[in-house]
Amino acid sequence: MSKRTNKAGSSGRFGARYGVIVRNRVKSIEAQQKMRHECPVCHHTSVKRVSSGIWECSRCKTKFAAQAYTPNTKKEISKVSEQ
């Protein structure tokens, strides 16, 4: 069995459809949303996405709402834009 999705990653399921730019955009968004993030309460890298906009820390069981693909809240976004 060959490695079909080595370069394509998670967007390999689309095959040759939709164009390379769209597939690369999907690949980067899905990589960002599936990785573990830092918890705003316990500061441990254990936050995973439950559903669209819902995030949960597996360590302290804190559940919070944030952006759909990243667990950034509006406060954190404004801090980044001020710097």
PDB file of N, CA and C in Angstrom:
ATOM      1  N   MET A   1       0.839  -1.166   0.000  1.00  0.00           N
ATOM      2  CA  MET A   1       0.000   0.000   0.000  1.00  0.00           C
ATOM      3  C   MET A   1       0.892   1.240   0.000  1.00  0.00           C
ATOM      4  N   SER A   2       0.615   2.175  -0.868  1.00  0.00           N
ATOM      5  CA  SER A   2       1.460   3.359  -0.992  1.00  0.00           C
ATOM      6  C   SER A   2       0.987   4.463  -0.047  1.00  0.00           C
ATOM      7  N   LYS A   3       1.891   5.390   0.205  1.00  0.00           N
ATOM      8  CA  LYS A   3       1.555   6.543   1.042  1.00  0.00           C
ATOM      9  C   LYS A   3       1.012   7.637   0.145  1.00  0.00           C
ATOM     10  N   ARG A   4      -0.291   7.739   0.062  1.00  0.00           N
ATOM     11  CA  ARG A   4      -0.906   8.717  -0.834  1.00  0.00           C
ATOM     12  C   ARG A   4      -0.959  10.104  -0.240  1.00  0.00           C
ATOM     13  N   THR A   5      -1.097  10.223   1.062  1.00  0.00           N
ATOM     14  CA  THR A   5      -1.339  11.527   1.662  1.00  0.00           C
ATOM     15  C   THR A   5      -0.121  12.057   2.403  1.00  0.00           C
ATOM     16  N   ASN A   6       1.072  11.667   1.986  1.00  0.00           N
ATOM     17  CA  ASN A   6       2.262  12.158   2.672  1.00  0.00           C
ATOM     18  C   ASN A   6       2.387  13.665   2.515  1.00  0.00           C
ATOM     19  N   LYS A   7       2.259  14.179   1.321  1.00  0.00           N
ATOM     20  CA  LYS A   7       2.359  15.611   1.080  1.00  0.00           C
ATOM     21  C   LYS A   7       1.008  16.303   1.272  1.00  0.00           C
ATOM     22  N   ALA A   8      -0.063  15.638   0.921  1.00  0.00           N
ATOM     23  CA  ALA A   8      -1.387  16.259   0.962  1.00  0.00           C
ATOM     24  C   ALA A   8      -1.942  16.352   2.374  1.00  0.00           C
ATOM     25  N   GLY A   9      -1.535  15.469   3.272  1.00  0.00           N
ATOM     26  CA  GLY A   9      -2.030  15.510   4.643  1.00  0.00           C
ATOM     27  C   GLY A   9      -3.506  15.159   4.708  1.00  0.00           C
ATOM     28  N   SER A  10      -4.241  15.896   5.534  1.00  0.00           N
ATOM     29  CA  SER A  10      -5.656  15.583   5.727  1.00  0.00           C
ATOM     30  C   SER A  10      -6.504  15.948   4.516  1.00  0.00           C
ATOM     31  N   SER A  11      -5.983  16.801   3.638  1.00  0.00           N
ATOM     32  CA  SER A  11      -6.754  17.176   2.453  1.00  0.00           C
ATOM     33  C   SER A  11      -6.557  16.183   1.312  1.00  0.00           C
ATOM     34  N   GLY A  12      -5.865  15.095   1.546  1.00  0.00           N
ATOM     35  CA  GLY A  12      -5.689  14.070   0.531  1.00  0.00           C
ATOM     36  C   GLY A  12      -6.977  13.378   0.165  1.00  0.00           C
ATOM     37  N   ARG A  13      -7.987  13.510   1.016  1.00  0.00           N
ATOM     38  CA  ARG A  13      -9.275  12.882   0.732  1.00  0.00           C
ATOM     39  C   ARG A  13      -9.983  13.548  -0.439  1.00  0.00           C
ATOM     40  N   PHE A  14      -9.566  14.771  -0.816  1.00  0.00           N
ATOM     41  CA  PHE A  14     -10.185  15.464  -1.934  1.00  0.00           C
ATOM     42  C   PHE A  14      -9.612  15.036  -3.276  1.00  0.00           C
ATOM     43  N   GLY A  15      -8.472  14.364  -3.273  1.00  0.00           N
ATOM     44  CA  GLY A  15      -7.867  13.932  -4.526  1.00  0.00           C
ATOM     45  C   GLY A  15      -7.412  15.121  -5.345  1.00  0.00           C
ATOM     46  N   ALA A  16      -7.732  15.133  -6.619  1.00  0.00           N
ATOM     47  CA  ALA A  16      -7.318  16.213  -7.514  1.00  0.00           C
ATOM     48  C   ALA A  16      -8.378  17.296  -7.640  1.00  0.00           C
ATOM     49  N   ARG A  17      -9.407  17.261  -6.836  1.00  0.00           N
ATOM     50  CA  ARG A  17     -10.507  18.220  -6.961  1.00  0.00           C
ATOM     51  C   ARG A  17     -10.216  19.517  -6.194  1.00  0.00           C
ATOM     52  N   TYR A  18     -10.880  20.587  -6.554  1.00  0.00           N
ATOM     53  CA  TYR A  18     -10.966  21.875  -5.867  1.00  0.00           C
ATOM     54  C   TYR A  18      -9.736  22.771  -5.988  1.00  0.00           C
ATOM     55  N   GLY A  19      -8.631  22.336  -6.526  1.00  0.00           N
ATOM     56  CA  GLY A  19      -7.459  23.188  -6.691  1.00  0.00           C
ATOM     57  C   GLY A  19      -6.509  23.112  -5.519  1.00  0.00           C
ATOM     58  N   VAL A  20      -5.248  23.379  -5.779  1.00  0.00           N
ATOM     59  CA  VAL A  20      -4.215  23.186  -4.771  1.00  0.00           C
ATOM     60  C   VAL A  20      -4.286  24.243  -3.666  1.00  0.00           C
ATOM     61  N   ILE A  21      -4.692  25.462  -3.984  1.00  0.00           N
ATOM     62  CA  ILE A  21      -4.751  26.514  -2.969  1.00  0.00           C
ATOM     63  C   ILE A  21      -5.831  26.210  -1.942  1.00  0.00           C
ATOM     64  N   VAL A  22      -6.982  25.776  -2.396  1.00  0.00           N
ATOM     65  CA  VAL A  22      -8.078  25.446  -1.483  1.00  0.00           C
ATOM     66  C   VAL A  22      -7.697  24.250  -0.615  1.00  0.00           C
ATOM     67  N   ARG A  23      -7.073  23.243  -1.235  1.00  0.00           N
ATOM     68  CA  ARG A  23      -6.673  22.065  -0.457  1.00  0.00           C
ATOM     69  C   ARG A  23      -5.598  22.404   0.567  1.00  0.00           C
ATOM     70  N   ASN A  24      -4.661  23.270   0.237  1.00  0.00           N
ATOM     71  CA  ASN A  24      -3.638  23.676   1.207  1.00  0.00           C
ATOM     72  C   ASN A  24      -4.246  24.486   2.343  1.00  0.00           C
ATOM     73  N   ARG A  25      -5.242  25.309   2.033  1.00  0.00           N
ATOM     74  CA  ARG A  25      -5.921  26.095   3.062  1.00  0.00           C
ATOM     75  C   ARG A  25      -6.664  25.178   4.032  1.00  0.00           C
ATOM     76  N   VAL A  26      -7.353  24.181   3.489  1.00  0.00           N
ATOM     77  CA  VAL A  26      -8.069  23.209   4.326  1.00  0.00           C
ATOM     78  C   VAL A  26      -7.085  22.429   5.193  1.00  0.00           C
ATOM     79  N   LYS A  27      -5.957  22.053   4.616  1.00  0.00           N
ATOM     80  CA  LYS A  27      -4.949  21.288   5.355  1.00  0.00           C
ATOM     81  C   LYS A  27      -4.410  22.077   6.542  1.00  0.00           C
ATOM     82  N   SER A  28      -4.117  23.366   6.352  1.00  0.00           N
ATOM     83  CA  SER A  28      -3.575  24.169   7.449  1.00  0.00           C
ATOM     84  C   SER A  28      -4.618  24.441   8.528  1.00  0.00           C
ATOM     85  N   ILE A  29      -5.873  24.668   8.123  1.00  0.00           N
ATOM     86  CA  ILE A  29      -6.939  24.905   9.108  1.00  0.00           C
ATOM     87  C   ILE A  29      -7.193  23.657   9.933  1.00  0.00           C
ATOM     88  N   GLU A  30      -7.243  22.495   9.281  1.00  0.00           N
ATOM     89  CA  GLU A  30      -7.501  21.255  10.018  1.00  0.00           C
ATOM     90  C   GLU A  30      -6.339  20.882  10.925  1.00  0.00           C
ATOM     91  N   ALA A  31      -5.123  21.156  10.515  1.00  0.00           N
ATOM     92  CA  ALA A  31      -3.975  20.891  11.386  1.00  0.00           C
ATOM     93  C   ALA A  31      -4.047  21.758  12.630  1.00  0.00           C
ATOM     94  N   GLN A  32      -4.454  23.014  12.472  1.00  0.00           N
ATOM     95  CA  GLN A  32      -4.570  23.936  13.596  1.00  0.00           C
ATOM     96  C   GLN A  32      -5.678  23.509  14.554  1.00  0.00           C
ATOM     97  N   GLN A  33      -6.815  23.080  14.025  1.00  0.00           N
ATOM     98  CA  GLN A  33      -7.944  22.762  14.906  1.00  0.00           C
ATOM     99  C   GLN A  33      -7.779  21.416  15.594  1.00  0.00           C
ATOM    100  N   LYS A  34      -7.010  20.489  15.026  1.00  0.00           N
ATOM    101  CA  LYS A  34      -6.870  19.167  15.626  1.00  0.00           C
ATOM    102  C   LYS A  34      -5.729  19.073  16.628  1.00  0.00           C
ATOM    103  N   MET A  35      -4.834  20.062  16.663  1.00  0.00           N
ATOM    104  CA  MET A  35      -3.726  20.007  17.607  1.00  0.00           C
ATOM    105  C   MET A  35      -4.198  20.391  19.010  1.00  0.00           C
ATOM    106  N   ARG A  36      -3.379  20.091  20.000  1.00  0.00           N
ATOM    107  CA  ARG A  36      -3.707  20.469  21.372  1.00  0.00           C
ATOM    108  C   ARG A  36      -3.221  21.891  21.626  1.00  0.00           C
ATOM    109  N   HIS A  37      -4.029  22.642  22.404  1.00  0.00           N
ATOM    110  CA  HIS A  37      -3.723  24.039  22.682  1.00  0.00           C
ATOM    111  C   HIS A  37      -3.594  24.253  24.181  1.00  0.00           C
ATOM    112  N   GLU A  38      -3.122  25.433  24.564  1.00  0.00           N
ATOM    113  CA  GLU A  38      -2.926  25.748  25.980  1.00  0.00           C
ATOM    114  C   GLU A  38      -4.236  26.170  26.620  1.00  0.00           C
ATOM    115  N   CYS A  39      -4.478  25.652  27.812  1.00  0.00           N
ATOM    116  CA  CYS A  39      -5.697  25.968  28.562  1.00  0.00           C
ATOM    117  C   CYS A  39      -5.569  27.369  29.178  1.00  0.00           C
ATOM    118  N   PRO A  40      -6.600  28.210  29.068  1.00  0.00           N
ATOM    119  CA  PRO A  40      -6.518  29.537  29.678  1.00  0.00           C
ATOM    120  C   PRO A  40      -6.626  29.515  31.200  1.00  0.00           C
ATOM    121  N   VAL A  41      -7.070  28.394  31.777  1.00  0.00           N
ATOM    122  CA  VAL A  41      -7.235  28.305  33.225  1.00  0.00           C
ATOM    123  C   VAL A  41      -6.003  27.686  33.882  1.00  0.00           C
ATOM    124  N   CYS A  42      -5.617  26.476  33.442  1.00  0.00           N
ATOM    125  CA  CYS A  42      -4.506  25.774  34.093  1.00  0.00           C
ATOM    126  C   CYS A  42      -3.190  25.892  33.323  1.00  0.00           C
ATOM    127  N   HIS A  43      -3.208  26.508  32.152  1.00  0.00           N
ATOM    128  CA  HIS A  43      -2.021  26.740  31.313  1.00  0.00           C
ATOM    129  C   HIS A  43      -1.273  25.452  30.969  1.00  0.00           C
ATOM    130  N   HIS A  44      -2.007  24.393  30.789  1.00  0.00           N
ATOM    131  CA  HIS A  44      -1.444  23.111  30.367  1.00  0.00           C
ATOM    132  C   HIS A  44      -1.874  22.859  28.933  1.00  0.00           C
ATOM    133  N   THR A  45      -1.036  22.248  28.145  1.00  0.00           N
ATOM    134  CA  THR A  45      -1.357  21.994  26.735  1.00  0.00           C
ATOM    135  C   THR A  45      -2.261  20.776  26.635  1.00  0.00           C
ATOM    136  N   SER A  46      -3.538  20.988  26.875  1.00  0.00           N
ATOM    137  CA  SER A  46      -4.474  19.864  26.885  1.00  0.00           C
ATOM    138  C   SER A  46      -5.873  20.244  26.412  1.00  0.00           C
ATOM    139  N   VAL A  47      -5.998  21.315  25.656  1.00  0.00           N
ATOM    140  CA  VAL A  47      -7.306  21.747  25.168  1.00  0.00           C
ATOM    141  C   VAL A  47      -7.546  21.151  23.793  1.00  0.00           C
ATOM    142  N   LYS A  48      -8.700  20.508  23.629  1.00  0.00           N
ATOM    143  CA  LYS A  48      -9.088  19.945  22.337  1.00  0.00           C
ATOM    144  C   LYS A  48     -10.462  20.463  21.956  1.00  0.00           C
ATOM    145  N   ARG A  49     -10.750  20.430  20.673  1.00  0.00           N
ATOM    146  CA  ARG A  49     -12.013  20.917  20.135  1.00  0.00           C
ATOM    147  C   ARG A  49     -13.095  19.858  20.322  1.00  0.00           C
ATOM    148  N   VAL A  50     -14.207  20.226  20.915  1.00  0.00           N
ATOM    149  CA  VAL A  50     -15.340  19.325  21.104  1.00  0.00           C
ATOM    150  C   VAL A  50     -16.258  19.411  19.891  1.00  0.00           C
ATOM    151  N   SER A  51     -16.635  20.626  19.532  1.00  0.00           N
ATOM    152  CA  SER A  51     -17.422  20.892  18.329  1.00  0.00           C
ATOM    153  C   SER A  51     -17.082  22.306  17.879  1.00  0.00           C
ATOM    154  N   SER A  52     -17.790  22.813  16.904  1.00  0.00           N
ATOM    155  CA  SER A  52     -17.477  24.125  16.353  1.00  0.00           C
ATOM    156  C   SER A  52     -17.624  25.208  17.420  1.00  0.00           C
ATOM    157  N   GLY A  53     -16.511  25.792  17.820  1.00  0.00           N
ATOM    158  CA  GLY A  53     -16.527  26.861  18.809  1.00  0.00           C
ATOM    159  C   GLY A  53     -16.529  26.403  20.249  1.00  0.00           C
ATOM    160  N   ILE A  54     -16.585  25.114  20.524  1.00  0.00           N
ATOM    161  CA  ILE A  54     -16.594  24.588  21.886  1.00  0.00           C
ATOM    162  C   ILE A  54     -15.269  23.871  22.118  1.00  0.00           C
ATOM    163  N   TRP A  55     -14.573  24.261  23.176  1.00  0.00           N
ATOM    164  CA  TRP A  55     -13.263  23.700  23.500  1.00  0.00           C
ATOM    165  C   TRP A  55     -13.276  23.188  24.934  1.00  0.00           C
ATOM    166  N   GLU A  56     -12.522  22.103  25.195  1.00  0.00           N
ATOM    167  CA  GLU A  56     -12.507  21.505  26.535  1.00  0.00           C
ATOM    168  C   GLU A  56     -11.092  21.106  26.902  1.00  0.00           C
ATOM    169  N   CYS A  57     -10.716  21.417  28.137  1.00  0.00           N
ATOM    170  CA  CYS A  57      -9.416  21.012  28.674  1.00  0.00           C
ATOM    171  C   CYS A  57      -9.573  19.633  29.291  1.00  0.00           C
ATOM    172  N   SER A  58      -8.738  18.699  28.864  1.00  0.00           N
ATOM    173  CA  SER A  58      -8.858  17.342  29.387  1.00  0.00           C
ATOM    174  C   SER A  58      -8.231  17.217  30.764  1.00  0.00           C
ATOM    175  N   ARG A  59      -7.481  18.203  31.197  1.00  0.00           N
ATOM    176  CA  ARG A  59      -6.835  18.144  32.509  1.00  0.00           C
ATOM    177  C   ARG A  59      -7.734  18.695  33.612  1.00  0.00           C
ATOM    178  N   CYS A  60      -8.234  19.924  33.414  1.00  0.00           N
ATOM    179  CA  CYS A  60      -9.062  20.541  34.465  1.00  0.00           C
ATOM    180  C   CYS A  60     -10.548  20.524  34.127  1.00  0.00           C
ATOM    181  N   LYS A  61     -10.919  19.904  32.998  1.00  0.00           N
ATOM    182  CA  LYS A  61     -12.313  19.743  32.556  1.00  0.00           C
ATOM    183  C   LYS A  61     -13.045  21.071  32.346  1.00  0.00           C
ATOM    184  N   THR A  62     -12.310  22.140  32.074  1.00  0.00           N
ATOM    185  CA  THR A  62     -12.926  23.429  31.779  1.00  0.00           C
ATOM    186  C   THR A  62     -13.432  23.420  30.353  1.00  0.00           C
ATOM    187  N   LYS A  63     -14.670  23.854  30.174  1.00  0.00           N
ATOM    188  CA  LYS A  63     -15.266  23.953  28.852  1.00  0.00           C
ATOM    189  C   LYS A  63     -15.532  25.421  28.582  1.00  0.00           C
ATOM    190  N   PHE A  64     -15.134  25.895  27.399  1.00  0.00           N
ATOM    191  CA  PHE A  64     -15.342  27.301  27.079  1.00  0.00           C
ATOM    192  C   PHE A  64     -15.604  27.471  25.597  1.00  0.00           C
ATOM    193  N   ALA A  65     -16.171  28.617  25.258  1.00  0.00           N
ATOM    194  CA  ALA A  65     -16.463  28.941  23.870  1.00  0.00           C
ATOM    195  C   ALA A  65     -15.387  29.876  23.342  1.00  0.00           C
ATOM    196  N   ALA A  66     -15.016  29.671  22.091  1.00  0.00           N
ATOM    197  CA  ALA A  66     -14.007  30.501  21.445  1.00  0.00           C
ATOM    198  C   ALA A  66     -14.257  30.460  19.943  1.00  0.00           C
ATOM    199  N   GLN A  67     -13.233  30.722  19.163  1.00  0.00           N
ATOM    200  CA  GLN A  67     -13.386  30.687  17.719  1.00  0.00           C
ATOM    201  C   GLN A  67     -13.622  29.262  17.250  1.00  0.00           C
ATOM    202  N   ALA A  68     -14.038  29.113  16.007  1.00  0.00           N
ATOM    203  CA  ALA A  68     -14.396  27.804  15.488  1.00  0.00           C
ATOM    204  C   ALA A  68     -13.185  26.894  15.301  1.00  0.00           C
ATOM    205  N   TYR A  69     -12.067  27.443  14.830  1.00  0.00           N
ATOM    206  CA  TYR A  69     -10.920  26.605  14.500  1.00  0.00           C
ATOM    207  C   TYR A  69      -9.755  26.751  15.465  1.00  0.00           C
ATOM    208  N   THR A  70      -9.721  27.811  16.259  1.00  0.00           N
ATOM    209  CA  THR A  70      -8.678  28.000  17.265  1.00  0.00           C
ATOM    210  C   THR A  70      -9.331  28.441  18.566  1.00  0.00           C
ATOM    211  N   PRO A  71      -8.772  28.079  19.703  1.00  0.00           N
ATOM    212  CA  PRO A  71      -9.396  28.444  20.975  1.00  0.00           C
ATOM    213  C   PRO A  71      -9.034  29.851  21.438  1.00  0.00           C
ATOM    214  N   ASN A  72      -8.924  30.798  20.529  1.00  0.00           N
ATOM    215  CA  ASN A  72      -8.657  32.182  20.896  1.00  0.00           C
ATOM    216  C   ASN A  72      -9.973  32.876  21.186  1.00  0.00           C
ATOM    217  N   THR A  73     -10.008  33.587  22.319  1.00  0.00           N
ATOM    218  CA  THR A  73     -11.194  34.366  22.645  1.00  0.00           C
ATOM    219  C   THR A  73     -10.990  35.786  22.144  1.00  0.00           C
ATOM    220  N   LYS A  74     -12.009  36.599  22.195  1.00  0.00           N
ATOM    221  CA  LYS A  74     -11.903  37.968  21.688  1.00  0.00           C
ATOM    222  C   LYS A  74     -10.908  38.787  22.500  1.00  0.00           C
ATOM    223  N   LYS A  75     -10.788  38.521  23.800  1.00  0.00           N
ATOM    224  CA  LYS A  75      -9.819  39.224  24.636  1.00  0.00           C
ATOM    225  C   LYS A  75      -8.404  38.955  24.151  1.00  0.00           C
ATOM    226  N   GLU A  76      -8.115  37.686  23.877  1.00  0.00           N
ATOM    227  CA  GLU A  76      -6.772  37.307  23.425  1.00  0.00           C
ATOM    228  C   GLU A  76      -6.463  37.915  22.070  1.00  0.00           C
ATOM    229  N   ILE A  77      -7.462  37.992  21.199  1.00  0.00           N
ATOM    230  CA  ILE A  77      -7.258  38.562  19.870  1.00  0.00           C
ATOM    231  C   ILE A  77      -6.953  40.058  19.987  1.00  0.00           C
ATOM    232  N   SER A  78      -7.661  40.776  20.877  1.00  0.00           N
ATOM    233  CA  SER A  78      -7.406  42.198  21.028  1.00  0.00           C
ATOM    234  C   SER A  78      -6.027  42.447  21.634  1.00  0.00           C
ATOM    235  N   LYS A  79      -5.548  41.575  22.523  1.00  0.00           N
ATOM    236  CA  LYS A  79      -4.201  41.713  23.075  1.00  0.00           C
ATOM    237  C   LYS A  79      -3.161  41.562  21.976  1.00  0.00           C
ATOM    238  N   VAL A  80      -3.362  40.627  21.080  1.00  0.00           N
ATOM    239  CA  VAL A  80      -2.410  40.387  20.008  1.00  0.00           C
ATOM    240  C   VAL A  80      -2.397  41.567  19.050  1.00  0.00           C
ATOM    241  N   SER A  81      -3.562  42.138  18.753  1.00  0.00           N
ATOM    242  CA  SER A  81      -3.637  43.235  17.795  1.00  0.00           C
ATOM    243  C   SER A  81      -3.061  44.526  18.374  1.00  0.00           C
ATOM    244  N   GLU A  82      -3.077  44.680  19.701  1.00  0.00           N
ATOM    245  CA  GLU A  82      -2.516  45.875  20.338  1.00  0.00           C
ATOM    246  C   GLU A  82      -1.004  45.864  20.307  1.00  0.00           C
ATOM    247  N   GLN A  83      -0.395  44.695  20.315  1.00  0.00           N
ATOM    248  CA  GLN A  83       1.063  44.609  20.389  1.00  0.00           C
ATOM    249  C   GLN A  83       1.719  44.901  19.109  1.00  0.00           C
TER     250      GLN A  83
END
